[in-house]
């Protein structure tokens, strides 16, 4: 196992740790459009960002939008579908639906607010640890993801699981960091026994599904404890 590959793994692992710490600071709690309006009416909002096309008043159809705002040190987020006309019944129920022009509503409620509007979802975008990144801020996430994939495909045979095994396990929250720490020599961690069998792709897929359900439930409880919703 060449030192260069070990060094690359450790550098990528350190990058994921830094990204996780940044996400803890930048975490955006899920909220609602109604709560945004309530925060604006109370004067507690310091900044609003709207990403997505806004439908003209006379048009019909739908448009995806993401609205984020800050109240003090807290950040909030809601995904919306702005709808006009007959598209209302055909939209995904996973996003809040509205007929409002959110930009106009924000300006009407708080004319002096720091409002940033991006008319379309263009450029590089990524999401990691529950935080959305766009533009230059998304670059570290993309670089870490691509470099980790290249390491998995082109690097030495990983320890403890096959390449396909680690591929599926990387879909578990925190999986990429575990892969980088445990798939090869890491200072301070004991190597596997020579006769230890590698976890195969099929078994890893089943394990990844189960672990993802458990991890997501645990993270949801942790997020609620660390970042409680609106009072």
Protein backbone atom coordinates (compact mmCIF):
# COMPACT_ATOMS: atom_id res chain seq x y z
CA UNK A 1 0.00 0.00 0.00
CA UNK A 2 2.02 2.99 -1.29
CA UNK A 3 2.51 6.01 0.96
CA UNK A 4 1.03 8.27 -1.71
CA UNK A 5 -2.32 6.47 -1.50
CA UNK A 6 -2.24 6.57 2.30
CA UNK A 7 -1.47 10.29 2.22
CA UNK A 8 -4.29 10.95 -0.25
CA UNK A 9 -6.79 9.06 1.91
CA UNK A 10 -5.80 10.99 5.03
CA UNK A 11 -5.96 14.34 3.26
CA UNK A 12 -9.44 13.55 1.95
CA UNK A 13 -10.51 12.34 5.41
CA UNK A 14 -9.30 15.62 6.93
CA UNK A 15 -11.27 17.47 4.25
CA UNK A 16 -14.45 15.63 5.23
CA UNK A 17 -13.88 16.47 8.90
CA UNK A 18 -13.51 20.16 8.03
CA UNK A 19 -16.62 19.98 5.85
CA UNK A 20 -18.58 18.40 8.69
CA UNK A 21 -17.49 21.15 11.09
CA UNK A 22 -18.48 23.80 8.56
CA UNK A 23 -21.86 22.15 8.12
CA UNK A 24 -22.45 22.26 11.88
CA UNK A 25 -21.98 26.03 11.74
CA UNK A 26 -23.90 26.58 8.49
CA UNK A 27 -26.69 24.08 9.17
CA UNK A 28 -30.02 25.13 7.64
CA UNK A 29 -33.02 23.87 9.58
CA UNK A 30 -36.10 22.97 7.55
CA UNK A 31 -38.92 25.47 7.94
CA UNK A 32 -41.99 26.80 6.12
CA UNK A 33 -42.91 29.80 4.02
CA UNK A 34 -45.41 30.88 6.66
CA UNK A 35 -42.65 30.93 9.25
CA UNK A 36 -40.53 33.13 6.98
CA UNK A 37 -43.39 35.62 6.75
CA UNK A 38 -43.82 35.52 10.54
CA UNK A 39 -40.09 36.12 11.08
CA UNK A 40 -40.20 39.05 8.64
CA UNK A 41 -43.20 40.58 10.39
CA UNK A 42 -41.33 40.34 13.72
CA UNK A 43 -38.29 42.01 12.19
CA UNK A 44 -36.00 39.15 13.19
CA UNK A 45 -34.72 38.30 9.69
CA UNK A 46 -31.31 39.64 8.68
CA UNK A 47 -30.98 38.09 5.23
CA UNK A 48 -33.10 36.26 2.65
CA UNK A 49 -31.93 34.35 -0.42
CA UNK A 50 -34.28 33.11 -3.14
CA UNK A 51 -32.98 30.71 -5.79
CA UNK A 52 -35.20 29.73 -8.71
CA UNK A 53 -37.26 31.25 -11.51
CA UNK A 54 -40.22 33.41 -10.51
CA UNK A 55 -43.32 32.94 -12.65
CA UNK A 56 -44.65 36.12 -14.32
CA UNK A 57 -48.09 37.19 -13.01
CA UNK A 58 -49.92 36.25 -16.23
CA UNK A 59 -48.20 32.89 -16.79
CA UNK A 60 -49.24 29.35 -15.86
CA UNK A 61 -47.06 26.44 -14.87
CA UNK A 62 -44.67 25.73 -12.01
CA UNK A 63 -41.22 26.72 -10.82
CA UNK A 64 -38.91 25.20 -8.21
CA UNK A 65 -37.52 27.60 -5.65
CA UNK A 66 -35.29 27.37 -2.60
CA UNK A 67 -35.63 30.07 0.04
CA UNK A 68 -33.10 30.48 2.85
CA UNK A 69 -33.00 33.11 5.57
CA UNK A 70 -31.23 33.96 8.79
CA UNK A 71 -32.58 34.95 12.16
CA UNK A 72 -29.64 35.91 14.33
CA UNK A 73 -27.15 33.05 14.18
CA UNK A 74 -29.72 30.52 12.88
CA UNK A 75 -30.28 29.62 9.23
CA UNK A 76 -33.56 28.27 7.84
CA UNK A 77 -34.53 26.69 4.55
CA UNK A 78 -37.67 25.76 2.64
CA UNK A 79 -38.08 24.21 -0.81
CA UNK A 80 -41.07 25.56 -2.69
CA UNK A 81 -42.98 24.96 -5.87
CA UNK A 82 -44.56 28.17 -7.13
CA UNK A 83 -47.62 27.17 -9.12
CA UNK A 84 -50.05 28.87 -11.41
CA UNK A 85 -52.93 27.20 -13.22
CA UNK A 86 -53.52 23.49 -13.82
CA UNK A 87 -50.06 22.21 -12.77
CA UNK A 88 -51.04 22.29 -9.11
CA UNK A 89 -52.28 18.70 -8.96
CA UNK A 90 -49.29 17.19 -10.74
CA UNK A 91 -46.57 18.36 -8.38
CA UNK A 92 -44.57 16.42 -5.85
CA UNK A 93 -45.97 16.49 -2.35
CA UNK A 94 -42.45 16.60 -0.90
CA UNK A 95 -42.19 20.37 -1.45
CA UNK A 96 -44.37 23.14 -0.11
CA UNK A 97 -46.63 24.66 -2.76
CA UNK A 98 -47.44 28.33 -3.08
CA UNK A 99 -48.99 30.76 -5.53
CA UNK A 100 -47.10 33.68 -3.94
CA UNK A 101 -44.38 35.68 -5.58
CA UNK A 102 -42.00 35.20 -2.66
CA UNK A 103 -39.64 37.98 -3.77
CA UNK A 104 -42.48 40.53 -3.81
CA UNK A 105 -43.79 39.28 -0.48
CA UNK A 106 -40.38 39.65 1.16
CA UNK A 107 -39.88 43.16 -0.24
CA UNK A 108 -43.37 44.23 0.81
CA UNK A 109 -42.93 42.97 4.37
CA UNK A 110 -39.37 44.22 4.85
CA UNK A 111 -38.23 46.72 2.17
CA UNK A 112 -34.79 47.19 3.72
CA UNK A 113 -33.98 43.50 4.05
CA UNK A 114 -30.77 42.10 2.57
CA UNK A 115 -32.41 40.15 -0.26
CA UNK A 116 -30.44 38.10 -2.77
CA UNK A 117 -32.29 36.72 -5.80
CA UNK A 118 -30.85 34.20 -8.24
CA UNK A 119 -33.23 33.84 -11.17
CA UNK A 120 -32.36 30.27 -12.07
CA UNK A 121 -30.67 27.20 -10.65
CA UNK A 122 -27.49 27.45 -12.70
CA UNK A 123 -23.87 26.65 -11.98
CA UNK A 124 -22.40 24.07 -9.67
CA UNK A 125 -24.50 22.99 -6.72
CA UNK A 126 -23.97 20.36 -4.03
CA UNK A 127 -25.40 19.28 -0.70
CA UNK A 128 -23.46 17.71 2.14
CA UNK A 129 -24.23 17.13 5.82
CA UNK A 130 -27.64 18.74 5.37
CA UNK A 131 -26.27 22.00 3.94
CA UNK A 132 -26.72 23.24 0.36
CA UNK A 133 -23.71 24.78 -1.36
CA UNK A 134 -23.69 26.63 -4.67
CA UNK A 135 -21.10 28.29 -6.88
CA UNK A 136 -17.59 28.43 -5.43
CA UNK A 137 -18.80 27.15 -2.05
CA UNK A 138 -19.82 23.85 -3.70
CA UNK A 139 -16.35 23.26 -5.15
CA UNK A 140 -14.84 21.56 -2.04
CA UNK A 141 -17.79 19.15 -1.89
CA UNK A 142 -17.42 18.28 -5.58
CA UNK A 143 -13.63 17.88 -5.31
CA UNK A 144 -13.90 15.61 -2.26
CA UNK A 145 -16.57 13.48 -3.92
CA UNK A 146 -14.71 13.09 -7.23
CA UNK A 147 -11.35 12.46 -5.54
CA UNK A 148 -12.88 9.84 -3.25
CA UNK A 149 -14.48 8.07 -6.22
CA UNK A 150 -11.20 8.08 -8.16
CA UNK A 151 -9.43 6.65 -5.11
CA UNK A 152 -12.02 3.90 -4.82
CA UNK A 153 -11.85 2.99 -8.51
CA UNK A 154 -8.16 3.51 -9.27
CA UNK A 155 -6.46 3.02 -5.91
CA UNK A 156 -5.18 -0.17 -4.28
CA UNK A 157 -7.60 -2.93 -3.30
CA UNK A 158 -9.32 -1.53 -0.20
CA UNK A 159 -9.30 -3.28 3.14
CA UNK A 160 -12.35 -4.73 4.92
CA UNK A 161 -14.72 -4.52 1.89
CA UNK A 162 -14.59 -4.84 -1.88
CA UNK A 163 -14.77 -1.77 -4.08
CA UNK A 164 -18.49 -2.35 -4.62
CA UNK A 165 -18.91 -2.91 -0.90
CA UNK A 166 -17.39 0.45 -0.04
CA UNK A 167 -19.31 2.09 -2.89
CA UNK A 168 -22.65 1.17 -1.28
CA UNK A 169 -21.47 1.96 2.23
CA UNK A 170 -20.50 5.47 1.13
CA UNK A 171 -24.23 6.25 0.73
CA UNK A 172 -24.67 5.88 4.50
CA UNK A 173 -24.38 9.22 6.37
CA UNK A 174 -20.73 9.47 7.35
CA UNK A 175 -19.88 6.56 5.06
CA UNK A 176 -17.26 8.40 2.98
CA UNK A 177 -15.31 9.32 6.12
CA UNK A 178 -15.45 5.72 7.39
CA UNK A 179 -14.24 4.52 3.97
CA UNK A 180 -11.31 6.92 4.00
CA UNK A 181 -10.34 5.97 7.55
CA UNK A 182 -10.85 2.20 7.39
CA UNK A 183 -10.15 1.11 3.81
CA UNK A 184 -6.38 1.14 4.23
CA UNK A 185 -3.54 1.80 6.67
CA UNK A 186 -4.41 4.60 9.10
CA UNK A 187 -2.12 5.67 11.96
CA UNK A 188 -3.61 4.64 15.30
CA UNK A 189 -6.06 2.11 13.84
CA UNK A 190 -5.44 -1.64 13.93
CA UNK A 191 -5.26 -3.33 10.50
CA UNK A 192 -7.60 -6.26 9.76
CA UNK A 193 -6.42 -9.82 10.30
CA UNK A 194 -4.94 -11.45 7.18
CA UNK A 195 -7.71 -14.06 7.05
CA UNK A 196 -10.60 -11.58 7.45
CA UNK A 197 -13.06 -11.86 4.55
CA UNK A 198 -13.96 -8.76 2.56
CA UNK A 199 -17.54 -7.49 2.78
CA UNK A 200 -19.06 -8.07 -0.67
CA UNK A 201 -21.19 -5.64 -2.65
CA UNK A 202 -24.46 -7.48 -2.10
CA UNK A 203 -24.09 -7.68 1.66
CA UNK A 204 -22.86 -4.11 1.79
CA UNK A 205 -25.96 -2.94 -0.11
CA UNK A 206 -28.25 -4.56 2.46
CA UNK A 207 -26.16 -3.16 5.31
CA UNK A 208 -26.18 0.30 3.73
CA UNK A 209 -29.98 0.35 3.52
CA UNK A 210 -30.38 -0.66 7.17
CA UNK A 211 -27.62 1.65 8.42
CA UNK A 212 -29.00 4.59 6.41
CA UNK A 213 -32.43 4.21 8.02
CA UNK A 214 -30.94 4.05 11.50
CA UNK A 215 -28.41 6.85 10.88
CA UNK A 216 -30.95 9.22 9.32
CA UNK A 217 -33.35 8.71 12.23
CA UNK A 218 -30.55 9.33 14.71
CA UNK A 219 -29.33 12.42 12.87
CA UNK A 220 -32.87 13.81 12.74
CA UNK A 221 -33.15 13.48 16.53
CA UNK A 222 -29.70 15.00 17.01
CA UNK A 223 -30.51 17.91 14.69
CA UNK A 224 -33.73 18.58 16.59
CA UNK A 225 -31.79 18.65 19.86
CA UNK A 226 -28.95 20.84 18.59
CA UNK A 227 -30.99 23.09 16.28
CA UNK A 228 -34.54 23.26 17.67
CA UNK A 229 -37.28 24.69 15.50
CA UNK A 230 -38.93 28.07 15.85
CA UNK A 231 -40.23 28.88 19.27
